[in-house]
């Protein structure tokens, strides 16, 4: 659910997902502004063999606010999926480098 009113006309809608253990946090962005977020307790680590569901929900609904497949009837001009690696902090990079150095001397 958006915490801000939805603008009329064309908008850039994005969803940022950050994994936290077995689940994660999904944050809705509209025209670059964060408009809501939800905790997702469990997320599979692989993409389905049928690909991503864009514009409809192929499986079970994720909440009771709609019934699946809840097909989107508007127009999507572009869909972009970016997979990002988690950011590693500098301390863990240094520790890993030191461990490799020690192992190399054995």
PDB file of N, CA and C in Angstrom:
ATOM      1  N   UNK A   1       0.842  -1.174   0.000  1.00  0.00           N
ATOM      2  CA  UNK A   1       0.000   0.000   0.000  1.00  0.00           C
ATOM      3  C   UNK A   1       0.886   1.236   0.000  1.00  0.00           C
ATOM      4  N   UNK A   2       0.587   2.166  -0.878  1.00  0.00           N
ATOM      5  CA  UNK A   2       1.381   3.389  -0.962  1.00  0.00           C
ATOM      6  C   UNK A   2       1.037   4.330   0.188  1.00  0.00           C
ATOM      7  N   UNK A   3       2.065   4.971   0.745  1.00  0.00           N
ATOM      8  CA  UNK A   3       1.856   5.952   1.810  1.00  0.00           C
ATOM      9  C   UNK A   3       1.623   7.346   1.236  1.00  0.00           C
ATOM     10  N   UNK A   4       1.735   7.478  -0.094  1.00  0.00           N
ATOM     11  CA  UNK A   4       1.526   8.761  -0.773  1.00  0.00           C
ATOM     12  C   UNK A   4       0.489   8.576  -1.863  1.00  0.00           C
ATOM     13  N   UNK A   5      -0.213   9.662  -2.222  1.00  0.00           N
ATOM     14  CA  UNK A   5      -1.181   9.529  -3.318  1.00  0.00           C
ATOM     15  C   UNK A   5      -0.471   9.198  -4.633  1.00  0.00           C
ATOM     16  N   UNK A   6      -1.119   8.382  -5.435  1.00  0.00           N
ATOM     17  CA  UNK A   6      -0.540   8.015  -6.721  1.00  0.00           C
ATOM     18  C   UNK A   6      -0.732   9.159  -7.712  1.00  0.00           C
ATOM     19  N   UNK A   7       0.320   9.514  -8.462  1.00  0.00           N
ATOM     20  CA  UNK A   7       0.196  10.598  -9.430  1.00  0.00           C
ATOM     21  C   UNK A   7      -0.619  10.157 -10.642  1.00  0.00           C
ATOM     22  N   UNK A   8      -1.250  11.121 -11.304  1.00  0.00           N
ATOM     23  CA  UNK A   8      -1.965  10.831 -12.544  1.00  0.00           C
ATOM     24  C   UNK A   8      -0.960  10.803 -13.680  1.00  0.00           C
ATOM     25  N   UNK A   9      -1.240  10.013 -14.684  1.00  0.00           N
ATOM     26  CA  UNK A   9      -0.360   9.964 -15.851  1.00  0.00           C
ATOM     27  C   UNK A   9       0.790   8.996 -15.670  1.00  0.00           C
ATOM     28  N   UNK A  10       1.774   9.131 -16.559  1.00  0.00           N
ATOM     29  CA  UNK A  10       2.924   8.223 -16.565  1.00  0.00           C
ATOM     30  C   UNK A  10       3.776   8.405 -15.317  1.00  0.00           C
ATOM     31  N   UNK A  11       4.261   7.304 -14.791  1.00  0.00           N
ATOM     32  CA  UNK A  11       5.127   7.316 -13.613  1.00  0.00           C
ATOM     33  C   UNK A  11       6.188   6.251 -13.761  1.00  0.00           C
ATOM     34  N   UNK A  12       7.268   6.419 -13.026  1.00  0.00           N
ATOM     35  CA  UNK A  12       8.312   5.397 -12.943  1.00  0.00           C
ATOM     36  C   UNK A  12       8.077   4.669 -11.629  1.00  0.00           C
ATOM     37  N   UNK A  13       7.708   3.413 -11.718  1.00  0.00           N
ATOM     38  CA  UNK A  13       7.414   2.607 -10.534  1.00  0.00           C
ATOM     39  C   UNK A  13       8.527   1.571 -10.389  1.00  0.00           C
ATOM     40  N   UNK A  14       9.046   1.452  -9.181  1.00  0.00           N
ATOM     41  CA  UNK A  14      10.127   0.504  -8.935  1.00  0.00           C
ATOM     42  C   UNK A  14       9.882  -0.216  -7.619  1.00  0.00           C
ATOM     43  N   UNK A  15      10.477  -1.383  -7.512  1.00  0.00           N
ATOM     44  CA  UNK A  15      10.446  -2.139  -6.274  1.00  0.00           C
ATOM     45  C   UNK A  15      11.883  -2.521  -5.950  1.00  0.00           C
ATOM     46  N   UNK A  16      12.332  -2.110  -4.783  1.00  0.00           N
ATOM     47  CA  UNK A  16      13.683  -2.476  -4.330  1.00  0.00           C
ATOM     48  C   UNK A  16      13.521  -3.563  -3.276  1.00  0.00           C
ATOM     49  N   UNK A  17      14.256  -4.654  -3.481  1.00  0.00           N
ATOM     50  CA  UNK A  17      14.182  -5.759  -2.531  1.00  0.00           C
ATOM     51  C   UNK A  17      15.544  -5.952  -1.898  1.00  0.00           C
ATOM     52  N   UNK A  18      15.573  -5.992  -0.585  1.00  0.00           N
ATOM     53  CA  UNK A  18      16.804  -6.243   0.154  1.00  0.00           C
ATOM     54  C   UNK A  18      16.612  -7.483   1.007  1.00  0.00           C
ATOM     55  N   UNK A  19      17.455  -8.480   0.756  1.00  0.00           N
ATOM     56  CA  UNK A  19      17.356  -9.744   1.481  1.00  0.00           C
ATOM     57  C   UNK A  19      17.849  -9.565   2.911  1.00  0.00           C
ATOM     58  N   UNK A  20      17.117 -10.182   3.841  1.00  0.00           N
ATOM     59  CA  UNK A  20      17.515 -10.215   5.248  1.00  0.00           C
ATOM     60  C   UNK A  20      17.296 -11.643   5.729  1.00  0.00           C
ATOM     61  N   UNK A  21      18.330 -12.454   5.641  1.00  0.00           N
ATOM     62  CA  UNK A  21      18.185 -13.855   6.026  1.00  0.00           C
ATOM     63  C   UNK A  21      17.365 -14.610   5.007  1.00  0.00           C
ATOM     64  N   UNK A  22      16.336 -15.325   5.458  1.00  0.00           N
ATOM     65  CA  UNK A  22      15.486 -16.120   4.559  1.00  0.00           C
ATOM     66  C   UNK A  22      14.440 -15.279   3.848  1.00  0.00           C
ATOM     67  N   UNK A  23      14.209 -14.070   4.316  1.00  0.00           N
ATOM     68  CA  UNK A  23      13.211 -13.198   3.721  1.00  0.00           C
ATOM     69  C   UNK A  23      13.838 -11.905   3.261  1.00  0.00           C
ATOM     70  N   UNK A  24      13.072 -10.823   3.388  1.00  0.00           N
ATOM     71  CA  UNK A  24      13.615  -9.538   2.995  1.00  0.00           C
ATOM     72  C   UNK A  24      12.594  -8.426   3.132  1.00  0.00           C
ATOM     73  N   UNK A  25      12.995  -7.250   2.692  1.00  0.00           N
ATOM     74  CA  UNK A  25      12.134  -6.076   2.722  1.00  0.00           C
ATOM     75  C   UNK A  25      11.930  -5.584   1.296  1.00  0.00           C
ATOM     76  N   UNK A  26      10.684  -5.421   0.904  1.00  0.00           N
ATOM     77  CA  UNK A  26      10.340  -4.873  -0.406  1.00  0.00           C
ATOM     78  C   UNK A  26       9.909  -3.426  -0.203  1.00  0.00           C
ATOM     79  N   UNK A  27      10.526  -2.514  -0.940  1.00  0.00           N
ATOM     80  CA  UNK A  27      10.203  -1.089  -0.828  1.00  0.00           C
ATOM     81  C   UNK A  27       9.681  -0.593  -2.167  1.00  0.00           C
ATOM     82  N   UNK A  28       8.508   0.021  -2.146  1.00  0.00           N
ATOM     83  CA  UNK A  28       7.884   0.583  -3.338  1.00  0.00           C
ATOM     84  C   UNK A  28       8.389   2.002  -3.553  1.00  0.00           C
ATOM     85  N   UNK A  29       8.792   2.305  -4.791  1.00  0.00           N
ATOM     86  CA  UNK A  29       9.220   3.655  -5.152  1.00  0.00           C
ATOM     87  C   UNK A  29       8.378   4.143  -6.322  1.00  0.00           C
ATOM     88  N   UNK A  30       7.884   5.360  -6.236  1.00  0.00           N
ATOM     89  CA  UNK A  30       7.149   5.974  -7.336  1.00  0.00           C
ATOM     90  C   UNK A  30       7.860   7.269  -7.676  1.00  0.00           C
ATOM     91  N   UNK A  31       8.344   7.352  -8.907  1.00  0.00           N
ATOM     92  CA  UNK A  31       9.126   8.500  -9.373  1.00  0.00           C
ATOM     93  C   UNK A  31      10.292   8.798  -8.431  1.00  0.00           C
ATOM     94  N   UNK A  32      10.922   7.735  -7.920  1.00  0.00           N
ATOM     95  CA  UNK A  32      12.105   7.857  -7.069  1.00  0.00           C
ATOM     96  C   UNK A  32      11.825   8.049  -5.591  1.00  0.00           C
ATOM     97  N   UNK A  33      10.572   8.278  -5.208  1.00  0.00           N
ATOM     98  CA  UNK A  33      10.223   8.489  -3.801  1.00  0.00           C
ATOM     99  C   UNK A  33       9.746   7.186  -3.170  1.00  0.00           C
ATOM    100  N   UNK A  34      10.280   6.848  -1.980  1.00  0.00           N
ATOM    101  CA  UNK A  34       9.809   5.670  -1.257  1.00  0.00           C
ATOM    102  C   UNK A  34       8.379   5.920  -0.797  1.00  0.00           C
ATOM    103  N   UNK A  35       7.498   4.970  -1.123  1.00  0.00           N
ATOM    104  CA  UNK A  35       6.074   5.147  -0.835  1.00  0.00           C
ATOM    105  C   UNK A  35       5.485   4.021   0.000  1.00  0.00           C
ATOM    106  N   UNK A  36       6.317   3.170   0.546  1.00  0.00           N
ATOM    107  CA  UNK A  36       5.817   2.084   1.370  1.00  0.00           C
ATOM    108  C   UNK A  36       6.765   0.909   1.327  1.00  0.00           C
ATOM    109  N   UNK A  37       6.650   0.047   2.305  1.00  0.00           N
ATOM    110  CA  UNK A  37       7.489  -1.149   2.322  1.00  0.00           C
ATOM    111  C   UNK A  37       6.764  -2.260   3.062  1.00  0.00           C
ATOM    112  N   UNK A  38       7.240  -3.468   2.826  1.00  0.00           N
ATOM    113  CA  UNK A  38       6.642  -4.636   3.477  1.00  0.00           C
ATOM    114  C   UNK A  38       7.726  -5.659   3.732  1.00  0.00           C
ATOM    115  N   UNK A  39       7.627  -6.325   4.867  1.00  0.00           N
ATOM    116  CA  UNK A  39       8.536  -7.412   5.188  1.00  0.00           C
ATOM    117  C   UNK A  39       7.978  -8.691   4.550  1.00  0.00           C
ATOM    118  N   UNK A  40       8.856  -9.442   3.914  1.00  0.00           N
ATOM    119  CA  UNK A  40       8.480 -10.712   3.302  1.00  0.00           C
ATOM    120  C   UNK A  40       9.260 -11.789   4.053  1.00  0.00           C
ATOM    121  N   UNK A  41       8.572 -12.663   4.790  1.00  0.00           N
ATOM    122  CA  UNK A  41       9.274 -13.595   5.681  1.00  0.00           C
ATOM    123  C   UNK A  41      10.086 -14.681   4.982  1.00  0.00           C
ATOM    124  N   UNK A  42       9.679 -15.105   3.782  1.00  0.00           N
ATOM    125  CA  UNK A  42      10.418 -16.156   3.089  1.00  0.00           C
ATOM    126  C   UNK A  42      10.423 -15.869   1.595  1.00  0.00           C
ATOM    127  N   UNK A  43      11.597 -15.961   0.997  1.00  0.00           N
ATOM    128  CA  UNK A  43      11.739 -15.740  -0.445  1.00  0.00           C
ATOM    129  C   UNK A  43      12.598 -16.858  -1.009  1.00  0.00           C
ATOM    130  N   UNK A  44      12.134 -17.461  -2.083  1.00  0.00           N
ATOM    131  CA  UNK A  44      12.925 -18.510  -2.734  1.00  0.00           C
ATOM    132  C   UNK A  44      14.185 -17.891  -3.319  1.00  0.00           C
ATOM    133  N   UNK A  45      15.252 -18.650  -3.397  1.00  0.00           N
ATOM    134  CA  UNK A  45      16.533 -18.154  -3.897  1.00  0.00           C
ATOM    135  C   UNK A  45      16.701 -18.352  -5.404  1.00  0.00           C
ATOM    136  N   UNK A  46      15.706 -18.868  -6.084  1.00  0.00           N
ATOM    137  CA  UNK A  46      15.802 -19.070  -7.528  1.00  0.00           C
ATOM    138  C   UNK A  46      14.588 -18.443  -8.206  1.00  0.00           C
ATOM    139  N   UNK A  47      14.767 -18.045  -9.447  1.00  0.00           N
ATOM    140  CA  UNK A  47      13.639 -17.542 -10.225  1.00  0.00           C
ATOM    141  C   UNK A  47      12.911 -18.754 -10.802  1.00  0.00           C
ATOM    142  N   UNK A  48      11.619 -18.695 -10.827  1.00  0.00           N
ATOM    143  CA  UNK A  48      10.792 -19.784 -11.330  1.00  0.00           C
ATOM    144  C   UNK A  48      11.207 -20.194 -12.744  1.00  0.00           C
ATOM    145  N   UNK A  49      10.968 -21.434 -13.081  1.00  0.00           N
ATOM    146  CA  UNK A  49      11.296 -21.921 -14.420  1.00  0.00           C
ATOM    147  C   UNK A  49      10.452 -21.258 -15.496  1.00  0.00           C
ATOM    148  N   UNK A  50       9.345 -20.623 -15.103  1.00  0.00           N
ATOM    149  CA  UNK A  50       8.508 -19.907 -16.072  1.00  0.00           C
ATOM    150  C   UNK A  50       8.857 -18.420 -16.109  1.00  0.00           C
ATOM    151  N   UNK A  51       9.870 -18.005 -15.352  1.00  0.00           N
ATOM    152  CA  UNK A  51      10.312 -16.608 -15.377  1.00  0.00           C
ATOM    153  C   UNK A  51       9.587 -15.750 -14.363  1.00  0.00           C
ATOM    154  N   UNK A  52       9.874 -14.480 -14.429  1.00  0.00           N
ATOM    155  CA  UNK A  52       9.262 -13.515 -13.505  1.00  0.00           C
ATOM    156  C   UNK A  52       7.811 -13.254 -13.890  1.00  0.00           C
ATOM    157  N   UNK A  53       6.966 -13.043 -12.907  1.00  0.00           N
ATOM    158  CA  UNK A  53       5.576 -12.677 -13.157  1.00  0.00           C
ATOM    159  C   UNK A  53       5.492 -11.154 -13.187  1.00  0.00           C
ATOM    160  N   UNK A  54       5.300 -10.595 -14.355  1.00  0.00           N
ATOM    161  CA  UNK A  54       5.195  -9.139 -14.499  1.00  0.00           C
ATOM    162  C   UNK A  54       3.803  -8.829 -15.022  1.00  0.00           C
ATOM    163  N   UNK A  55       3.050  -8.077 -14.249  1.00  0.00           N
ATOM    164  CA  UNK A  55       1.706  -7.696 -14.666  1.00  0.00           C
ATOM    165  C   UNK A  55       0.620  -8.659 -14.232  1.00  0.00           C
ATOM    166  N   UNK A  56       0.994  -9.704 -13.543  1.00  0.00           N
ATOM    167  CA  UNK A  56       0.019 -10.646 -12.999  1.00  0.00           C
ATOM    168  C   UNK A  56       0.701 -11.484 -11.937  1.00  0.00           C
ATOM    169  N   UNK A  57      -0.088 -12.148 -11.108  1.00  0.00           N
ATOM    170  CA  UNK A  57       0.452 -13.012 -10.066  1.00  0.00           C
ATOM    171  C   UNK A  57       0.166 -14.443 -10.470  1.00  0.00           C
ATOM    172  N   UNK A  58       1.195 -15.162 -10.849  1.00  0.00           N
ATOM    173  CA  UNK A  58       1.037 -16.520 -11.359  1.00  0.00           C
ATOM    174  C   UNK A  58       0.628 -17.516 -10.276  1.00  0.00           C
ATOM    175  N   UNK A  59       1.059 -17.276  -9.053  1.00  0.00           N
ATOM    176  CA  UNK A  59       0.771 -18.231  -7.983  1.00  0.00           C
ATOM    177  C   UNK A  59      -0.262 -17.707  -7.014  1.00  0.00           C
ATOM    178  N   UNK A  60      -0.055 -18.010  -5.755  1.00  0.00           N
ATOM    179  CA  UNK A  60      -0.958 -17.567  -4.694  1.00  0.00           C
ATOM    180  C   UNK A  60      -0.774 -16.075  -4.461  1.00  0.00           C
ATOM    181  N   UNK A  61      -1.850 -15.368  -4.082  1.00  0.00           N
ATOM    182  CA  UNK A  61      -1.693 -13.955  -3.751  1.00  0.00           C
ATOM    183  C   UNK A  61      -0.816 -13.796  -2.508  1.00  0.00           C
ATOM    184  N   UNK A  62      -0.069 -12.693  -2.435  1.00  0.00           N
ATOM    185  CA  UNK A  62       0.809 -12.493  -1.281  1.00  0.00           C
ATOM    186  C   UNK A  62       0.074 -11.859  -0.101  1.00  0.00           C
ATOM    187  N   UNK A  63      -1.172 -11.416  -0.324  1.00  0.00           N
ATOM    188  CA  UNK A  63      -1.982 -10.878   0.773  1.00  0.00           C
ATOM    189  C   UNK A  63      -3.448 -11.086   0.439  1.00  0.00           C
ATOM    190  N   UNK A  64      -4.315 -10.717   1.373  1.00  0.00           N
ATOM    191  CA  UNK A  64      -5.758 -10.907   1.193  1.00  0.00           C
ATOM    192  C   UNK A  64      -6.435  -9.725   0.496  1.00  0.00           C
ATOM    193  N   UNK A  65      -5.666  -8.763   0.001  1.00  0.00           N
ATOM    194  CA  UNK A  65      -6.255  -7.567  -0.618  1.00  0.00           C
ATOM    195  C   UNK A  65      -6.683  -7.787  -2.067  1.00  0.00           C
ATOM    196  N   UNK A  66      -6.326  -8.918  -2.670  1.00  0.00           N
ATOM    197  CA  UNK A  66      -6.710  -9.190  -4.055  1.00  0.00           C
ATOM    198  C   UNK A  66      -6.778 -10.697  -4.278  1.00  0.00           C
ATOM    199  N   UNK A  67      -7.376 -11.072  -5.405  1.00  0.00           N
ATOM    200  CA  UNK A  67      -7.432 -12.473  -5.791  1.00  0.00           C
ATOM    201  C   UNK A  67      -6.516 -12.680  -6.987  1.00  0.00           C
ATOM    202  N   UNK A  68      -5.762 -13.771  -6.965  1.00  0.00           N
ATOM    203  CA  UNK A  68      -4.863 -14.106  -8.060  1.00  0.00           C
ATOM    204  C   UNK A  68      -5.683 -14.479  -9.293  1.00  0.00           C
ATOM    205  N   UNK A  69      -5.277 -14.152 -10.520  1.00  0.00           N
ATOM    206  CA  UNK A  69      -3.983 -13.651 -10.931  1.00  0.00           C
ATOM    207  C   UNK A  69      -3.874 -12.123 -10.917  1.00  0.00           C
ATOM    208  N   UNK A  70      -4.942 -11.376 -10.691  1.00  0.00           N
ATOM    209  CA  UNK A  70      -4.933  -9.914 -10.590  1.00  0.00           C
ATOM    210  C   UNK A  70      -4.119  -9.290 -11.727  1.00  0.00           C
ATOM    211  N   UNK A  71      -4.545  -9.549 -12.952  1.00  0.00           N
ATOM    212  CA  UNK A  71      -3.834  -9.121 -14.151  1.00  0.00           C
ATOM    213  C   UNK A  71      -3.871  -7.603 -14.306  1.00  0.00           C
ATOM    214  N   UNK A  72      -2.699  -7.009 -14.560  1.00  0.00           N
ATOM    215  CA  UNK A  72      -2.562  -5.576 -14.802  1.00  0.00           C
ATOM    216  C   UNK A  72      -3.117  -5.262 -16.183  1.00  0.00           C
ATOM    217  N   UNK A  73      -3.991  -4.247 -16.270  1.00  0.00           N
ATOM    218  CA  UNK A  73      -4.630  -3.918 -17.551  1.00  0.00           C
ATOM    219  C   UNK A  73      -4.109  -2.614 -18.147  1.00  0.00           C
ATOM    220  N   UNK A  74      -3.142  -1.979 -17.487  1.00  0.00           N
ATOM    221  CA  UNK A  74      -2.569  -0.743 -18.013  1.00  0.00           C
ATOM    222  C   UNK A  74      -1.488  -1.024 -19.041  1.00  0.00           C
ATOM    223  N   UNK A  75      -0.643  -0.038 -19.276  1.00  0.00           N
ATOM    224  CA  UNK A  75       0.430  -0.174 -20.259  1.00  0.00           C
ATOM    225  C   UNK A  75       1.774  -0.070 -19.562  1.00  0.00           C
ATOM    226  N   UNK A  76       2.628  -1.059 -19.789  1.00  0.00           N
ATOM    227  CA  UNK A  76       3.994  -1.036 -19.274  1.00  0.00           C
ATOM    228  C   UNK A  76       4.908  -0.682 -20.446  1.00  0.00           C
ATOM    229  N   UNK A  77       5.638   0.407 -20.324  1.00  0.00           N
ATOM    230  CA  UNK A  77       6.551   0.806 -21.391  1.00  0.00           C
ATOM    231  C   UNK A  77       7.882   0.094 -21.299  1.00  0.00           C
ATOM    232  N   UNK A  78       8.284  -0.275 -20.109  1.00  0.00           N
ATOM    233  CA  UNK A  78       9.583  -0.911 -19.938  1.00  0.00           C
ATOM    234  C   UNK A  78       9.586  -1.671 -18.618  1.00  0.00           C
ATOM    235  N   UNK A  79      10.195  -2.843 -18.622  1.00  0.00           N
ATOM    236  CA  UNK A  79      10.396  -3.623 -17.406  1.00  0.00           C
ATOM    237  C   UNK A  79      11.881  -3.939 -17.333  1.00  0.00           C
ATOM    238  N   UNK A  80      12.495  -3.589 -16.226  1.00  0.00           N
ATOM    239  CA  UNK A  80      13.926  -3.824 -16.042  1.00  0.00           C
ATOM    240  C   UNK A  80      14.126  -4.522 -14.713  1.00  0.00           C
ATOM    241  N   UNK A  81      14.837  -5.641 -14.739  1.00  0.00           N
ATOM    242  CA  UNK A  81      15.138  -6.378 -13.513  1.00  0.00           C
ATOM    243  C   UNK A  81      16.640  -6.338 -13.332  1.00  0.00           C
ATOM    244  N   UNK A  82      17.077  -5.785 -12.223  1.00  0.00           N
ATOM    245  CA  UNK A  82      18.499  -5.703 -11.925  1.00  0.00           C
ATOM    246  C   UNK A  82      18.793  -6.566 -10.709  1.00  0.00           C
ATOM    247  N   UNK A  83      19.795  -7.421 -10.829  1.00  0.00           N
ATOM    248  CA  UNK A  83      20.238  -8.219  -9.700  1.00  0.00           C
ATOM    249  C   UNK A  83      21.513  -7.598  -9.176  1.00  0.00           C
ATOM    250  N   UNK A  84      21.518  -7.271  -7.921  1.00  0.00           N
ATOM    251  CA  UNK A  84      22.689  -6.626  -7.319  1.00  0.00           C
ATOM    252  C   UNK A  84      23.302  -7.551  -6.289  1.00  0.00           C
ATOM    253  N   UNK A  85      24.617  -7.585  -6.279  1.00  0.00           N
ATOM    254  CA  UNK A  85      25.312  -8.345  -5.242  1.00  0.00           C
ATOM    255  C   UNK A  85      25.265  -7.553  -3.951  1.00  0.00           C
ATOM    256  N   UNK A  86      25.216  -8.235  -2.818  1.00  0.00           N
ATOM    257  CA  UNK A  86      25.242  -7.503  -1.550  1.00  0.00           C
ATOM    258  C   UNK A  86      26.561  -6.745  -1.418  1.00  0.00           C
ATOM    259  N   UNK A  87      26.488  -5.578  -0.830  1.00  0.00           N
ATOM    260  CA  UNK A  87      27.697  -4.792  -0.599  1.00  0.00           C
ATOM    261  C   UNK A  87      28.510  -5.419   0.517  1.00  0.00           C
ATOM    262  N   UNK A  88      29.783  -5.549   0.270  1.00  0.00           N
ATOM    263  CA  UNK A  88      30.678  -6.087   1.297  1.00  0.00           C
ATOM    264  C   UNK A  88      31.379  -4.915   1.947  1.00  0.00           C
ATOM    265  N   UNK A  89      31.497  -4.984   3.242  1.00  0.00           N
ATOM    266  CA  UNK A  89      32.184  -3.891   3.924  1.00  0.00           C
ATOM    267  C   UNK A  89      33.700  -4.083   3.836  1.00  0.00           C
ATOM    268  N   UNK A  90      34.424  -3.002   4.000  1.00  0.00           N
ATOM    269  CA  UNK A  90      35.868  -2.999   3.838  1.00  0.00           C
ATOM    270  C   UNK A  90      36.543  -3.908   4.872  1.00  0.00           C
ATOM    271  N   UNK A  91      36.002  -3.962   6.084  1.00  0.00           N
ATOM    272  CA  UNK A  91      36.610  -4.800   7.129  1.00  0.00           C
ATOM    273  C   UNK A  91      36.604  -6.269   6.738  1.00  0.00           C
ATOM    274  N   UNK A  92      35.504  -6.765   6.168  1.00  0.00           N
ATOM    275  CA  UNK A  92      35.462  -8.173   5.789  1.00  0.00           C
ATOM    276  C   UNK A  92      36.406  -8.440   4.619  1.00  0.00           C
ATOM    277  N   UNK A  93      36.580  -7.456   3.716  1.00  0.00           N
ATOM    278  CA  UNK A  93      37.544  -7.607   2.617  1.00  0.00           C
ATOM    279  C   UNK A  93      38.958  -7.718   3.159  1.00  0.00           C
ATOM    280  N   UNK A  94      39.302  -6.895   4.148  1.00  0.00           N
ATOM    281  CA  UNK A  94      40.639  -6.924   4.748  1.00  0.00           C
ATOM    282  C   UNK A  94      40.856  -8.246   5.470  1.00  0.00           C
ATOM    283  N   UNK A  95      39.869  -8.698   6.243  1.00  0.00           N
ATOM    284  CA  UNK A  95      39.982  -9.959   6.980  1.00  0.00           C
ATOM    285  C   UNK A  95      40.158 -11.129   6.015  1.00  0.00           C
ATOM    286  N   UNK A  96      39.412 -11.129   4.916  1.00  0.00           N
ATOM    287  CA  UNK A  96      39.533 -12.197   3.929  1.00  0.00           C
ATOM    288  C   UNK A  96      40.912 -12.179   3.280  1.00  0.00           C
ATOM    289  N   UNK A  97      41.422 -11.011   2.980  1.00  0.00           N
ATOM    290  CA  UNK A  97      42.755 -10.872   2.384  1.00  0.00           C
ATOM    291  C   UNK A  97      43.833 -11.386   3.330  1.00  0.00           C
ATOM    292  N   UNK A  98      43.709 -11.041   4.622  1.00  0.00           N
ATOM    293  CA  UNK A  98      44.681 -11.509   5.615  1.00  0.00           C
ATOM    294  C   UNK A  98      44.619 -13.025   5.768  1.00  0.00           C
ATOM    295  N   UNK A  99      43.424 -13.594   5.747  1.00  0.00           N
ATOM    296  CA  UNK A  99      43.276 -15.055   5.868  1.00  0.00           C
ATOM    297  C   UNK A  99      43.918 -15.760   4.695  1.00  0.00           C
ATOM    298  N   UNK A 100      43.746 -15.221   3.478  1.00  0.00           N
ATOM    299  CA  UNK A 100      44.377 -15.816   2.306  1.00  0.00           C
ATOM    300  C   UNK A 100      45.896 -15.759   2.422  1.00  0.00           C
ATOM    301  N   UNK A 101      46.410 -14.633   2.929  1.00  0.00           N
ATOM    302  CA  UNK A 101      47.855 -14.459   3.087  1.00  0.00           C
ATOM    303  C   UNK A 101      48.409 -15.496   4.065  1.00  0.00           C
ATOM    304  N   UNK A 102      47.712 -15.703   5.175  1.00  0.00           N
ATOM    305  CA  UNK A 102      48.135 -16.685   6.176  1.00  0.00           C
ATOM    306  C   UNK A 102      48.111 -18.093   5.592  1.00  0.00           C
ATOM    307  N   UNK A 103      47.044 -18.432   4.869  1.00  0.00           N
ATOM    308  CA  UNK A 103      46.933 -19.767   4.265  1.00  0.00           C
ATOM    309  C   UNK A 103      48.026 -19.984   3.230  1.00  0.00           C
ATOM    310  N   UNK A 104      48.414 -18.937   2.526  1.00  0.00           N
ATOM    311  CA  UNK A 104      49.450 -19.053   1.511  1.00  0.00           C
ATOM    312  C   UNK A 104      50.824 -19.318   2.089  1.00  0.00           C
ATOM    313  N   UNK A 105      51.009 -18.953   3.355  1.00  0.00           N
ATOM    314  CA  UNK A 105      52.309 -19.171   4.003  1.00  0.00           C
ATOM    315  C   UNK A 105      52.426 -20.543   4.627  1.00  0.00           C
ATOM    316  N   UNK A 106      51.355 -21.297   4.669  1.00  0.00           N
ATOM    317  CA  UNK A 106      51.397 -22.614   5.329  1.00  0.00           C
ATOM    318  C   UNK A 106      51.956 -23.677   4.438  1.00  0.00           C
TER     319      UNK A 106
END
